[in-house]
Amino acid sequence: MESPCINICVIDSESGLCTGCMRTILEIAQWSAMPGDQRLRIMADLGRRRTAAAACDGQSGMGAS
């Protein structure tokens, strides 16, 4: 399985998620050793994470410039 990394590696201090791939530091670090089913669950959740992050950015007025 491919990685969701898009080479924009910046961890958001509030959410703890990478702004590029929407994974946590722990998920990024463990990705290559994770079982496939765990990676699939994370991949399936990335859209929800991105939507939630965008909603938080819109509410706080502190989105990426």
Protein backbone atom coordinates (compact mmCIF):
# COMPACT_ATOMS: atom_id res chain seq x y z
CA MET A 1 0.00 0.00 0.00
CA GLU A 2 1.23 3.45 -0.84
CA SER A 3 1.73 6.19 1.70
CA PRO A 4 -0.62 9.19 1.77
CA CYS A 5 2.45 11.45 2.10
CA ILE A 6 2.45 14.35 -0.36
CA ASN A 7 5.79 15.81 0.81
CA ILE A 8 4.22 18.69 2.74
CA CYS A 9 5.48 17.69 6.17
CA VAL A 10 4.26 20.25 8.70
CA ILE A 11 2.69 19.13 11.97
CA ASP A 12 -0.16 21.35 13.17
CA SER A 13 0.47 22.15 16.84
CA GLU A 14 -3.23 22.12 17.78
CA SER A 15 -4.41 18.95 16.02
CA GLY A 16 -1.12 17.05 16.01
CA LEU A 17 -1.75 16.13 12.38
CA CYS A 18 0.52 16.63 9.39
CA THR A 19 -1.06 19.31 7.21
CA GLY A 20 -0.03 17.39 4.10
CA CYS A 21 -1.14 13.81 4.76
CA MET A 22 -3.35 14.29 7.86
CA ARG A 23 -1.54 11.58 9.83
CA THR A 24 -0.17 11.88 13.36
CA ILE A 25 3.57 11.76 14.01
CA LEU A 26 3.15 8.27 15.46
CA GLU A 27 1.23 7.07 12.38
CA ILE A 28 3.92 8.51 10.11
CA ALA A 29 6.71 6.90 12.13
CA GLN A 30 5.03 3.48 12.27
CA TRP A 31 3.57 3.47 8.75
CA SER A 32 6.00 1.03 7.11
CA ALA A 33 5.68 -1.47 9.98
CA MET A 34 1.87 -1.23 10.32
CA PRO A 35 -0.32 -4.12 9.27
CA GLY A 36 -2.22 -3.45 6.05
CA ASP A 37 -5.63 -3.40 7.74
CA GLN A 38 -4.49 -0.67 10.11
CA ARG A 39 -3.14 1.40 7.21
CA LEU A 40 -6.44 0.94 5.38
CA ARG A 41 -8.38 2.23 8.41
CA ILE A 42 -6.16 5.31 8.58
CA MET A 43 -6.45 5.90 4.83
CA ALA A 44 -10.25 5.64 5.11
CA ASP A 45 -10.26 8.27 7.89
CA LEU A 46 -8.07 10.88 6.13
CA GLY A 47 -10.98 12.60 4.36
CA ARG A 48 -12.84 13.04 7.65
CA ARG A 49 -9.69 14.42 9.28
CA ARG A 50 -9.16 16.89 6.43
CA THR A 51 -12.80 18.07 6.63
CA ALA A 52 -12.58 18.47 10.42
CA ALA A 53 -9.29 20.39 10.14
CA ALA A 54 -10.77 22.70 7.52
CA ALA A 55 -13.81 23.35 9.72
CA CYS A 56 -11.55 24.20 12.68
CA ASP A 57 -9.47 26.53 10.52
CA GLY A 58 -12.61 28.29 9.35
CA GLN A 59 -13.93 28.73 12.89
CA SER A 60 -10.68 30.07 14.31
CA GLY A 61 -9.82 32.18 11.30
CA MET A 62 -6.33 30.71 11.40
CA GLY A 63 -6.15 28.74 8.17
CA ALA A 64 -3.00 28.31 6.13
CA SER A 65 -2.05 31.42 4.19
